[in-house]
Amino acid sequence: MYIAQEESFGPVMVISKFKNGDVDGVLRRANATEYGLASGVFTKDISKALYISEKLEAGTVFINTYNKTDVAAPFGGFKMSGFGKDLGKLLSPSFISHLRVLINERTT
């Protein structure tokens, strides 16, 4: 799916189906892109969400929320989505990658 492989800047969300329990297949599809700025995981199982967030190749992972962040916190992407971390001292992605995980503990 073209839209799931591009880095769109706008009100775009890709929601895709997967077989129950096929977390590794979902991770393969999510990581099969040149980009990795941010991603979102929506689930009632926080252990599964944390497992997925560790495996996603994205600079920021939102859990049960999206785009709720502190604008003063360092941010940046993986792969072709950014170079280093803006607003922080973490400017060498070739040596280390840093991941931000934001969790909304309140589910509606």
PDB file of N, CA and C in Angstrom:
ATOM      1  N   MET A   1       0.843  -1.166   0.000  1.00  0.00           N
ATOM      2  CA  MET A   1       0.000   0.000   0.000  1.00  0.00           C
ATOM      3  C   MET A   1       0.893   1.236   0.000  1.00  0.00           C
ATOM      4  N   TYR A   2       0.760   2.046  -1.023  1.00  0.00           N
ATOM      5  CA  TYR A   2       1.626   3.214  -1.229  1.00  0.00           C
ATOM      6  C   TYR A   2       1.625   4.166  -0.035  1.00  0.00           C
ATOM      7  N   ILE A   3       0.464   4.498   0.482  1.00  0.00           N
ATOM      8  CA  ILE A   3       0.377   5.488   1.558  1.00  0.00           C
ATOM      9  C   ILE A   3       1.070   5.002   2.827  1.00  0.00           C
ATOM     10  N   ALA A   4       1.132   3.703   3.038  1.00  0.00           N
ATOM     11  CA  ALA A   4       1.779   3.153   4.228  1.00  0.00           C
ATOM     12  C   ALA A   4       3.303   3.139   4.097  1.00  0.00           C
ATOM     13  N   GLN A   5       3.814   3.420   2.906  1.00  0.00           N
ATOM     14  CA  GLN A   5       5.256   3.395   2.695  1.00  0.00           C
ATOM     15  C   GLN A   5       5.856   4.779   2.510  1.00  0.00           C
ATOM     16  N   GLU A   6       5.044   5.810   2.488  1.00  0.00           N
ATOM     17  CA  GLU A   6       5.519   7.178   2.308  1.00  0.00           C
ATOM     18  C   GLU A   6       5.476   7.927   3.632  1.00  0.00           C
ATOM     19  N   GLU A   7       6.218   9.008   3.719  1.00  0.00           N
ATOM     20  CA  GLU A   7       6.207   9.849   4.910  1.00  0.00           C
ATOM     21  C   GLU A   7       5.299  11.039   4.635  1.00  0.00           C
ATOM     22  N   SER A   8       4.047  10.883   5.007  1.00  0.00           N
ATOM     23  CA  SER A   8       3.034  11.910   4.748  1.00  0.00           C
ATOM     24  C   SER A   8       2.972  12.876   5.913  1.00  0.00           C
ATOM     25  N   PHE A   9       2.972  14.171   5.614  1.00  0.00           N
ATOM     26  CA  PHE A   9       2.822  15.191   6.640  1.00  0.00           C
ATOM     27  C   PHE A   9       1.441  15.802   6.476  1.00  0.00           C
ATOM     28  N   GLY A  10       0.529  15.306   7.227  1.00  0.00           N
ATOM     29  CA  GLY A  10      -0.841  15.770   7.141  1.00  0.00           C
ATOM     30  C   GLY A  10      -1.709  14.872   7.998  1.00  0.00           C
ATOM     31  N   PRO A  11      -2.979  15.103   7.985  1.00  0.00           N
ATOM     32  CA  PRO A  11      -3.881  14.274   8.791  1.00  0.00           C
ATOM     33  C   PRO A  11      -4.130  12.925   8.117  1.00  0.00           C
ATOM     34  N   VAL A  12      -3.146  12.029   8.215  1.00  0.00           N
ATOM     35  CA  VAL A  12      -3.229  10.722   7.571  1.00  0.00           C
ATOM     36  C   VAL A  12      -2.961   9.644   8.608  1.00  0.00           C
ATOM     37  N   MET A  13      -3.819   8.643   8.649  1.00  0.00           N
ATOM     38  CA  MET A  13      -3.593   7.498   9.528  1.00  0.00           C
ATOM     39  C   MET A  13      -3.897   6.241   8.735  1.00  0.00           C
ATOM     40  N   VAL A  14      -2.970   5.307   8.734  1.00  0.00           N
ATOM     41  CA  VAL A  14      -3.169   4.037   8.062  1.00  0.00           C
ATOM     42  C   VAL A  14      -3.560   3.003   9.115  1.00  0.00           C
ATOM     43  N   ILE A  15      -4.697   2.387   8.918  1.00  0.00           N
ATOM     44  CA  ILE A  15      -5.171   1.328   9.805  1.00  0.00           C
ATOM     45  C   ILE A  15      -5.252   0.075   8.956  1.00  0.00           C
ATOM     46  N   SER A  16      -4.558  -0.965   9.390  1.00  0.00           N
ATOM     47  CA  SER A  16      -4.558  -2.189   8.590  1.00  0.00           C
ATOM     48  C   SER A  16      -4.886  -3.398   9.456  1.00  0.00           C
ATOM     49  N   LYS A  17      -5.533  -4.349   8.848  1.00  0.00           N
ATOM     50  CA  LYS A  17      -5.926  -5.576   9.540  1.00  0.00           C
ATOM     51  C   LYS A  17      -4.744  -6.537   9.623  1.00  0.00           C
ATOM     52  N   PHE A  18      -4.806  -7.416  10.619  1.00  0.00           N
ATOM     53  CA  PHE A  18      -3.825  -8.484  10.714  1.00  0.00           C
ATOM     54  C   PHE A  18      -4.463  -9.663  11.434  1.00  0.00           C
ATOM     55  N   LYS A  19      -3.896 -10.830  11.213  1.00  0.00           N
ATOM     56  CA  LYS A  19      -4.420 -12.028  11.855  1.00  0.00           C
ATOM     57  C   LYS A  19      -4.151 -11.961  13.353  1.00  0.00           C
ATOM     58  N   ASN A  20      -5.087 -12.439  14.125  1.00  0.00           N
ATOM     59  CA  ASN A  20      -4.968 -12.416  15.574  1.00  0.00           C
ATOM     60  C   ASN A  20      -3.666 -13.086  16.028  1.00  0.00           C
ATOM     61  N   GLY A  21      -2.855 -12.356  16.760  1.00  0.00           N
ATOM     62  CA  GLY A  21      -1.610 -12.897  17.290  1.00  0.00           C
ATOM     63  C   GLY A  21      -0.405 -12.753  16.379  1.00  0.00           C
ATOM     64  N   ASP A  22      -0.580 -12.254  15.168  1.00  0.00           N
ATOM     65  CA  ASP A  22       0.530 -12.137  14.220  1.00  0.00           C
ATOM     66  C   ASP A  22       1.303 -10.831  14.428  1.00  0.00           C
ATOM     67  N   VAL A  23       1.824 -10.642  15.630  1.00  0.00           N
ATOM     68  CA  VAL A  23       2.539  -9.415  15.977  1.00  0.00           C
ATOM     69  C   VAL A  23       3.809  -9.272  15.137  1.00  0.00           C
ATOM     70  N   ASP A  24       4.520 -10.355  14.934  1.00  0.00           N
ATOM     71  CA  ASP A  24       5.761 -10.269  14.153  1.00  0.00           C
ATOM     72  C   ASP A  24       5.481  -9.906  12.698  1.00  0.00           C
ATOM     73  N   GLY A  25       4.374 -10.380  12.144  1.00  0.00           N
ATOM     74  CA  GLY A  25       3.988  -9.993  10.789  1.00  0.00           C
ATOM     75  C   GLY A  25       3.648  -8.511  10.709  1.00  0.00           C
ATOM     76  N   VAL A  26       2.976  -8.003  11.728  1.00  0.00           N
ATOM     77  CA  VAL A  26       2.657  -6.572  11.789  1.00  0.00           C
ATOM     78  C   VAL A  26       3.946  -5.759  11.854  1.00  0.00           C
ATOM     79  N   LEU A  27       4.894  -6.197  12.673  1.00  0.00           N
ATOM     80  CA  LEU A  27       6.175  -5.490  12.794  1.00  0.00           C
ATOM     81  C   LEU A  27       6.934  -5.491  11.471  1.00  0.00           C
ATOM     82  N   ARG A  28       6.933  -6.611  10.765  1.00  0.00           N
ATOM     83  CA  ARG A  28       7.602  -6.667   9.458  1.00  0.00           C
ATOM     84  C   ARG A  28       6.990  -5.651   8.499  1.00  0.00           C
ATOM     85  N   ARG A  29       5.660  -5.594   8.461  1.00  0.00           N
ATOM     86  CA  ARG A  29       4.987  -4.629   7.571  1.00  0.00           C
ATOM     87  C   ARG A  29       5.263  -3.196   8.004  1.00  0.00           C
ATOM     88  N   ALA A  30       5.206  -2.940   9.292  1.00  0.00           N
ATOM     89  CA  ALA A  30       5.423  -1.568   9.784  1.00  0.00           C
ATOM     90  C   ALA A  30       6.844  -1.094   9.521  1.00  0.00           C
ATOM     91  N   ASN A  31       7.808  -1.983   9.603  1.00  0.00           N
ATOM     92  CA  ASN A  31       9.208  -1.611   9.416  1.00  0.00           C
ATOM     93  C   ASN A  31       9.665  -1.679   7.964  1.00  0.00           C
ATOM     94  N   ALA A  32       8.814  -2.134   7.067  1.00  0.00           N
ATOM     95  CA  ALA A  32       9.168  -2.276   5.653  1.00  0.00           C
ATOM     96  C   ALA A  32       8.967  -0.953   4.916  1.00  0.00           C
ATOM     97  N   THR A  33       9.628   0.072   5.378  1.00  0.00           N
ATOM     98  CA  THR A  33       9.549   1.395   4.766  1.00  0.00           C
ATOM     99  C   THR A  33      10.891   2.088   4.946  1.00  0.00           C
ATOM    100  N   GLU A  34      11.141   3.089   4.148  1.00  0.00           N
ATOM    101  CA  GLU A  34      12.388   3.850   4.260  1.00  0.00           C
ATOM    102  C   GLU A  34      12.346   4.850   5.411  1.00  0.00           C
ATOM    103  N   TYR A  35      11.159   5.058   5.963  1.00  0.00           N
ATOM    104  CA  TYR A  35      10.973   6.128   6.943  1.00  0.00           C
ATOM    105  C   TYR A  35      10.670   5.568   8.324  1.00  0.00           C
ATOM    106  N   GLY A  36      10.808   6.424   9.333  1.00  0.00           N
ATOM    107  CA  GLY A  36      10.524   5.992  10.696  1.00  0.00           C
ATOM    108  C   GLY A  36      10.440   7.164  11.656  1.00  0.00           C
ATOM    109  N   LEU A  37       9.584   8.129  11.368  1.00  0.00           N
ATOM    110  CA  LEU A  37       9.473   9.297  12.236  1.00  0.00           C
ATOM    111  C   LEU A  37       8.673   8.959  13.488  1.00  0.00           C
ATOM    112  N   ALA A  38       7.463   8.462  13.334  1.00  0.00           N
ATOM    113  CA  ALA A  38       6.617   8.146  14.483  1.00  0.00           C
ATOM    114  C   ALA A  38       5.666   7.018  14.129  1.00  0.00           C
ATOM    115  N   SER A  39       5.163   6.364  15.173  1.00  0.00           N
ATOM    116  CA  SER A  39       4.196   5.289  14.978  1.00  0.00           C
ATOM    117  C   SER A  39       3.252   5.265  16.169  1.00  0.00           C
ATOM    118  N   GLY A  40       2.152   4.558  16.026  1.00  0.00           N
ATOM    119  CA  GLY A  40       1.181   4.457  17.099  1.00  0.00           C
ATOM    120  C   GLY A  40       0.709   3.032  17.286  1.00  0.00           C
ATOM    121  N   VAL A  41       0.507   2.652  18.541  1.00  0.00           N
ATOM    122  CA  VAL A  41       0.023   1.323  18.889  1.00  0.00           C
ATOM    123  C   VAL A  41      -1.207   1.507  19.774  1.00  0.00           C
ATOM    124  N   PHE A  42      -2.309   0.878  19.394  1.00  0.00           N
ATOM    125  CA  PHE A  42      -3.525   0.947  20.193  1.00  0.00           C
ATOM    126  C   PHE A  42      -3.901  -0.467  20.614  1.00  0.00           C
ATOM    127  N   THR A  43      -3.889  -0.724  21.929  1.00  0.00           N
ATOM    128  CA  THR A  43      -4.192  -2.042  22.461  1.00  0.00           C
ATOM    129  C   THR A  43      -4.525  -1.937  23.943  1.00  0.00           C
ATOM    130  N   LYS A  44      -5.226  -2.938  24.455  1.00  0.00           N
ATOM    131  CA  LYS A  44      -5.489  -3.022  25.892  1.00  0.00           C
ATOM    132  C   LYS A  44      -4.338  -3.721  26.615  1.00  0.00           C
ATOM    133  N   ASP A  45      -3.491  -4.420  25.884  1.00  0.00           N
ATOM    134  CA  ASP A  45      -2.393  -5.204  26.457  1.00  0.00           C
ATOM    135  C   ASP A  45      -1.110  -4.372  26.481  1.00  0.00           C
ATOM    136  N   ILE A  46      -0.799  -3.763  27.611  1.00  0.00           N
ATOM    137  CA  ILE A  46       0.361  -2.871  27.699  1.00  0.00           C
ATOM    138  C   ILE A  46       1.676  -3.626  27.503  1.00  0.00           C
ATOM    139  N   SER A  47       1.745  -4.881  27.921  1.00  0.00           N
ATOM    140  CA  SER A  47       2.958  -5.675  27.699  1.00  0.00           C
ATOM    141  C   SER A  47       3.218  -5.857  26.208  1.00  0.00           C
ATOM    142  N   LYS A  48       2.158  -6.135  25.467  1.00  0.00           N
ATOM    143  CA  LYS A  48       2.288  -6.282  24.013  1.00  0.00           C
ATOM    144  C   LYS A  48       2.687  -4.951  23.379  1.00  0.00           C
ATOM    145  N   ALA A  49       2.107  -3.852  23.863  1.00  0.00           N
ATOM    146  CA  ALA A  49       2.435  -2.535  23.328  1.00  0.00           C
ATOM    147  C   ALA A  49       3.906  -2.201  23.563  1.00  0.00           C
ATOM    148  N   LEU A  50       4.423  -2.508  24.730  1.00  0.00           N
ATOM    149  CA  LEU A  50       5.831  -2.243  25.018  1.00  0.00           C
ATOM    150  C   LEU A  50       6.750  -3.129  24.180  1.00  0.00           C
ATOM    151  N   TYR A  51       6.362  -4.390  23.987  1.00  0.00           N
ATOM    152  CA  TYR A  51       7.134  -5.283  23.117  1.00  0.00           C
ATOM    153  C   TYR A  51       7.196  -4.714  21.701  1.00  0.00           C
ATOM    154  N   ILE A  52       6.053  -4.285  21.196  1.00  0.00           N
ATOM    155  CA  ILE A  52       5.989  -3.734  19.842  1.00  0.00           C
ATOM    156  C   ILE A  52       6.797  -2.448  19.742  1.00  0.00           C
ATOM    157  N   SER A  53       6.701  -1.594  20.753  1.00  0.00           N
ATOM    158  CA  SER A  53       7.417  -0.316  20.704  1.00  0.00           C
ATOM    159  C   SER A  53       8.931  -0.509  20.659  1.00  0.00           C
ATOM    160  N   GLU A  54       9.419  -1.562  21.277  1.00  0.00           N
ATOM    161  CA  GLU A  54      10.863  -1.852  21.227  1.00  0.00           C
ATOM    162  C   GLU A  54      11.302  -2.321  19.849  1.00  0.00           C
ATOM    163  N   LYS A  55      10.393  -2.952  19.115  1.00  0.00           N
ATOM    164  CA  LYS A  55      10.729  -3.533  17.810  1.00  0.00           C
ATOM    165  C   LYS A  55      10.457  -2.595  16.632  1.00  0.00           C
ATOM    166  N   LEU A  56       9.621  -1.584  16.838  1.00  0.00           N
ATOM    167  CA  LEU A  56       9.312  -0.651  15.753  1.00  0.00           C
ATOM    168  C   LEU A  56      10.516   0.230  15.441  1.00  0.00           C
ATOM    169  N   GLU A  57      10.772   0.457  14.193  1.00  0.00           N
ATOM    170  CA  GLU A  57      11.872   1.308  13.752  1.00  0.00           C
ATOM    171  C   GLU A  57      11.332   2.723  13.533  1.00  0.00           C
ATOM    172  N   ALA A  58      11.026   3.389  14.653  1.00  0.00           N
ATOM    173  CA  ALA A  58      10.472   4.745  14.617  1.00  0.00           C
ATOM    174  C   ALA A  58      11.058   5.539  15.776  1.00  0.00           C
ATOM    175  N   GLY A  59      11.233   6.828  15.568  1.00  0.00           N
ATOM    176  CA  GLY A  59      11.819   7.674  16.599  1.00  0.00           C
ATOM    177  C   GLY A  59      10.911   7.894  17.789  1.00  0.00           C
ATOM    178  N   THR A  60       9.598   7.915  17.553  1.00  0.00           N
ATOM    179  CA  THR A  60       8.618   8.076  18.621  1.00  0.00           C
ATOM    180  C   THR A  60       7.523   7.043  18.429  1.00  0.00           C
ATOM    181  N   VAL A  61       7.138   6.395  19.520  1.00  0.00           N
ATOM    182  CA  VAL A  61       6.022   5.457  19.491  1.00  0.00           C
ATOM    183  C   VAL A  61       4.983   5.948  20.491  1.00  0.00           C
ATOM    184  N   PHE A  62       3.786   6.181  19.997  1.00  0.00           N
ATOM    185  CA  PHE A  62       2.673   6.579  20.848  1.00  0.00           C
ATOM    186  C   PHE A  62       1.851   5.339  21.164  1.00  0.00           C
ATOM    187  N   ILE A  63       1.491   5.156  22.434  1.00  0.00           N
ATOM    188  CA  ILE A  63       0.675   4.013  22.847  1.00  0.00           C
ATOM    189  C   ILE A  63      -0.662   4.532  23.352  1.00  0.00           C
ATOM    190  N   ASN A  64      -1.724   4.096  22.710  1.00  0.00           N
ATOM    191  CA  ASN A  64      -3.101   4.475  23.031  1.00  0.00           C
ATOM    192  C   ASN A  64      -3.337   5.978  22.966  1.00  0.00           C
ATOM    193  N   THR A  65      -2.573   6.652  22.165  1.00  0.00           N
ATOM    194  CA  THR A  65      -2.734   8.074  21.884  1.00  0.00           C
ATOM    195  C   THR A  65      -1.941   8.361  20.618  1.00  0.00           C
ATOM    196  N   TYR A  66      -2.031   9.563  20.113  1.00  0.00           N
ATOM    197  CA  TYR A  66      -1.179   9.925  18.987  1.00  0.00           C
ATOM    198  C   TYR A  66      -0.953  11.429  18.968  1.00  0.00           C
ATOM    199  N   ASN A  67       0.286  11.803  18.762  1.00  0.00           N
ATOM    200  CA  ASN A  67       0.713  13.186  18.603  1.00  0.00           C
ATOM    201  C   ASN A  67       0.517  14.033  19.863  1.00  0.00           C
ATOM    202  N   LYS A  68       0.466  13.401  21.020  1.00  0.00           N
ATOM    203  CA  LYS A  68       0.428  14.117  22.299  1.00  0.00           C
ATOM    204  C   LYS A  68       1.843  14.071  22.846  1.00  0.00           C
ATOM    205  N   THR A  69       2.529  15.198  22.804  1.00  0.00           N
ATOM    206  CA  THR A  69       3.934  15.193  23.176  1.00  0.00           C
ATOM    207  C   THR A  69       4.343  16.512  23.799  1.00  0.00           C
ATOM    208  N   ASP A  70       5.457  16.519  24.458  1.00  0.00           N
ATOM    209  CA  ASP A  70       6.049  17.730  25.006  1.00  0.00           C
ATOM    210  C   ASP A  70       6.945  18.316  23.918  1.00  0.00           C
ATOM    211  N   VAL A  71       6.620  19.501  23.447  1.00  0.00           N
ATOM    212  CA  VAL A  71       7.375  20.091  22.342  1.00  0.00           C
ATOM    213  C   VAL A  71       8.814  20.431  22.733  1.00  0.00           C
ATOM    214  N   ALA A  72       9.130  20.425  24.009  1.00  0.00           N
ATOM    215  CA  ALA A  72      10.495  20.717  24.451  1.00  0.00           C
ATOM    216  C   ALA A  72      11.367  19.462  24.511  1.00  0.00           C
ATOM    217  N   ALA A  73      10.764  18.291  24.365  1.00  0.00           N
ATOM    218  CA  ALA A  73      11.516  17.037  24.441  1.00  0.00           C
ATOM    219  C   ALA A  73      12.223  16.768  23.115  1.00  0.00           C
ATOM    220  N   PRO A  74      13.413  16.170  23.170  1.00  0.00           N
ATOM    221  CA  PRO A  74      14.109  15.817  21.924  1.00  0.00           C
ATOM    222  C   PRO A  74      13.254  14.866  21.076  1.00  0.00           C
ATOM    223  N   PHE A  75      13.287  15.062  19.772  1.00  0.00           N
ATOM    224  CA  PHE A  75      12.545  14.185  18.884  1.00  0.00           C
ATOM    225  C   PHE A  75      13.314  14.021  17.589  1.00  0.00           C
ATOM    226  N   GLY A  76      12.994  13.000  16.871  1.00  0.00           N
ATOM    227  CA  GLY A  76      13.611  12.731  15.583  1.00  0.00           C
ATOM    228  C   GLY A  76      13.222  11.349  15.128  1.00  0.00           C
ATOM    229  N   GLY A  77      13.599  11.012  13.925  1.00  0.00           N
ATOM    230  CA  GLY A  77      13.186   9.736  13.373  1.00  0.00           C
ATOM    231  C   GLY A  77      14.336   8.789  13.136  1.00  0.00           C
ATOM    232  N   PHE A  78      13.988   7.637  12.620  1.00  0.00           N
ATOM    233  CA  PHE A  78      14.948   6.622  12.216  1.00  0.00           C
ATOM    234  C   PHE A  78      14.985   6.603  10.687  1.00  0.00           C
ATOM    235  N   LYS A  79      15.963   5.925  10.162  1.00  0.00           N
ATOM    236  CA  LYS A  79      16.130   5.745   8.719  1.00  0.00           C
ATOM    237  C   LYS A  79      16.175   7.099   8.015  1.00  0.00           C
ATOM    238  N   MET A  80      15.313   7.308   7.008  1.00  0.00           N
ATOM    239  CA  MET A  80      15.313   8.545   6.227  1.00  0.00           C
ATOM    240  C   MET A  80      14.509   9.665   6.889  1.00  0.00           C
ATOM    241  N   SER A  81      14.020   9.425   8.090  1.00  0.00           N
ATOM    242  CA  SER A  81      13.192  10.421   8.793  1.00  0.00           C
ATOM    243  C   SER A  81      14.026  11.199   9.800  1.00  0.00           C
ATOM    244  N   GLY A  82      14.855  12.043   9.318  1.00  0.00           N
ATOM    245  CA  GLY A  82      15.591  12.913  10.226  1.00  0.00           C
ATOM    246  C   GLY A  82      17.024  12.482  10.436  1.00  0.00           C
ATOM    247  N   PHE A  83      17.775  13.419  10.917  1.00  0.00           N
ATOM    248  CA  PHE A  83      19.197  13.211  11.199  1.00  0.00           C
ATOM    249  C   PHE A  83      19.422  13.626  12.638  1.00  0.00           C
ATOM    250  N   GLY A  84      19.631  12.674  13.513  1.00  0.00           N
ATOM    251  CA  GLY A  84      19.834  13.012  14.920  1.00  0.00           C
ATOM    252  C   GLY A  84      18.525  13.333  15.602  1.00  0.00           C
ATOM    253  N   LYS A  85      18.640  13.962  16.749  1.00  0.00           N
ATOM    254  CA  LYS A  85      17.476  14.329  17.534  1.00  0.00           C
ATOM    255  C   LYS A  85      17.433  15.837  17.678  1.00  0.00           C
ATOM    256  N   ASP A  86      16.402  16.463  17.122  1.00  0.00           N
ATOM    257  CA  ASP A  86      16.236  17.901  17.266  1.00  0.00           C
ATOM    258  C   ASP A  86      15.995  18.240  18.731  1.00  0.00           C
ATOM    259  N   LEU A  87      16.455  19.383  19.146  1.00  0.00           N
ATOM    260  CA  LEU A  87      16.277  19.918  20.496  1.00  0.00           C
ATOM    261  C   LEU A  87      17.033  19.121  21.556  1.00  0.00           C
ATOM    262  N   GLY A  88      18.013  18.350  21.179  1.00  0.00           N
ATOM    263  CA  GLY A  88      18.755  17.583  22.171  1.00  0.00           C
ATOM    264  C   GLY A  88      20.205  17.396  21.784  1.00  0.00           C
ATOM    265  N   LYS A  89      20.963  16.782  22.671  1.00  0.00           N
ATOM    266  CA  LYS A  89      22.379  16.542  22.432  1.00  0.00           C
ATOM    267  C   LYS A  89      22.630  15.219  21.719  1.00  0.00           C
ATOM    268  N   LEU A  90      21.589  14.489  21.385  1.00  0.00           N
ATOM    269  CA  LEU A  90      21.706  13.167  20.791  1.00  0.00           C
ATOM    270  C   LEU A  90      21.774  13.303  19.278  1.00  0.00           C
ATOM    271  N   LEU A  91      22.919  13.668  18.762  1.00  0.00           N
ATOM    272  CA  LEU A  91      23.023  14.027  17.344  1.00  0.00           C
ATOM    273  C   LEU A  91      23.761  13.019  16.485  1.00  0.00           C
ATOM    274  N   SER A  92      23.988  11.810  16.962  1.00  0.00           N
ATOM    275  CA  SER A  92      24.761  10.861  16.189  1.00  0.00           C
ATOM    276  C   SER A  92      24.006   9.558  15.980  1.00  0.00           C
ATOM    277  N   PRO A  93      23.067   9.527  15.037  1.00  0.00           N
ATOM    278  CA  PRO A  93      22.283   8.312  14.825  1.00  0.00           C
ATOM    279  C   PRO A  93      23.106   7.152  14.287  1.00  0.00           C
ATOM    280  N   SER A  94      24.270   7.407  13.729  1.00  0.00           N
ATOM    281  CA  SER A  94      25.072   6.306  13.213  1.00  0.00           C
ATOM    282  C   SER A  94      25.691   5.493  14.347  1.00  0.00           C
ATOM    283  N   PHE A  95      25.749   6.052  15.535  1.00  0.00           N
ATOM    284  CA  PHE A  95      26.322   5.335  16.663  1.00  0.00           C
ATOM    285  C   PHE A  95      25.259   4.744  17.585  1.00  0.00           C
ATOM    286  N   ILE A  96      24.144   5.433  17.750  1.00  0.00           N
ATOM    287  CA  ILE A  96      23.117   4.971  18.686  1.00  0.00           C
ATOM    288  C   ILE A  96      21.764   5.537  18.274  1.00  0.00           C
ATOM    289  N   SER A  97      20.718   4.790  18.512  1.00  0.00           N
ATOM    290  CA  SER A  97      19.364   5.255  18.228  1.00  0.00           C
ATOM    291  C   SER A  97      18.617   5.396  19.539  1.00  0.00           C
ATOM    292  N   HIS A  98      17.892   6.483  19.673  1.00  0.00           N
ATOM    293  CA  HIS A  98      17.100   6.723  20.870  1.00  0.00           C
ATOM    294  C   HIS A  98      15.631   6.705  20.511  1.00  0.00           C
ATOM    295  N   LEU A  99      14.855   6.091  21.364  1.00  0.00           N
ATOM    296  CA  LEU A  99      13.431   5.910  21.128  1.00  0.00           C
ATOM    297  C   LEU A  99      12.650   6.591  22.235  1.00  0.00           C
ATOM    298  N   ARG A 100      11.610   7.333  21.860  1.00  0.00           N
ATOM    299  CA  ARG A 100      10.678   7.911  22.832  1.00  0.00           C
ATOM    300  C   ARG A 100       9.389   7.115  22.763  1.00  0.00           C
ATOM    301  N   VAL A 101       8.892   6.700  23.922  1.00  0.00           N
ATOM    302  CA  VAL A 101       7.623   5.994  23.998  1.00  0.00           C
ATOM    303  C   VAL A 101       6.702   6.803  24.898  1.00  0.00           C
ATOM    304  N   LEU A 102       5.541   7.190  24.384  1.00  0.00           N
ATOM    305  CA  LEU A 102       4.555   7.953  25.138  1.00  0.00           C
ATOM    306  C   LEU A 102       3.309   7.103  25.308  1.00  0.00           C
ATOM    307  N   ILE A 103       2.878   6.929  26.560  1.00  0.00           N
ATOM    308  CA  ILE A 103       1.771   6.037  26.857  1.00  0.00           C
ATOM    309  C   ILE A 103       0.616   6.824  27.468  1.00  0.00           C
ATOM    310  N   ASN A 104      -0.573   6.633  26.917  1.00  0.00           N
ATOM    311  CA  ASN A 104      -1.785   7.156  27.503  1.00  0.00           C
ATOM    312  C   ASN A 104      -2.383   6.023  28.340  1.00  0.00           C
ATOM    313  N   GLU A 105      -2.321   6.143  29.656  1.00  0.00           N
ATOM    314  CA  GLU A 105      -2.799   5.071  30.530  1.00  0.00           C
ATOM    315  C   GLU A 105      -4.310   5.053  30.660  1.00  0.00           C
ATOM    316  N   ARG A 106      -4.944   6.136  30.285  1.00  0.00           N
ATOM    317  CA  ARG A 106      -6.416   6.197  30.337  1.00  0.00           C
ATOM    318  C   ARG A 106      -6.963   5.734  29.000  1.00  0.00           C
ATOM    319  N   THR A 107      -7.785   4.717  29.018  1.00  0.00           N
ATOM    320  CA  THR A 107      -8.419   4.266  27.787  1.00  0.00           C
ATOM    321  C   THR A 107      -9.900   4.602  27.877  1.00  0.00           C
ATOM    322  N   THR A 108     -10.438   4.990  26.740  1.00  0.00           N
ATOM    323  CA  THR A 108     -11.858   5.367  26.723  1.00  0.00           C
ATOM    324  C   THR A 108     -12.699   4.296  26.089  1.00  0.00           C
TER     325      THR A 108
END
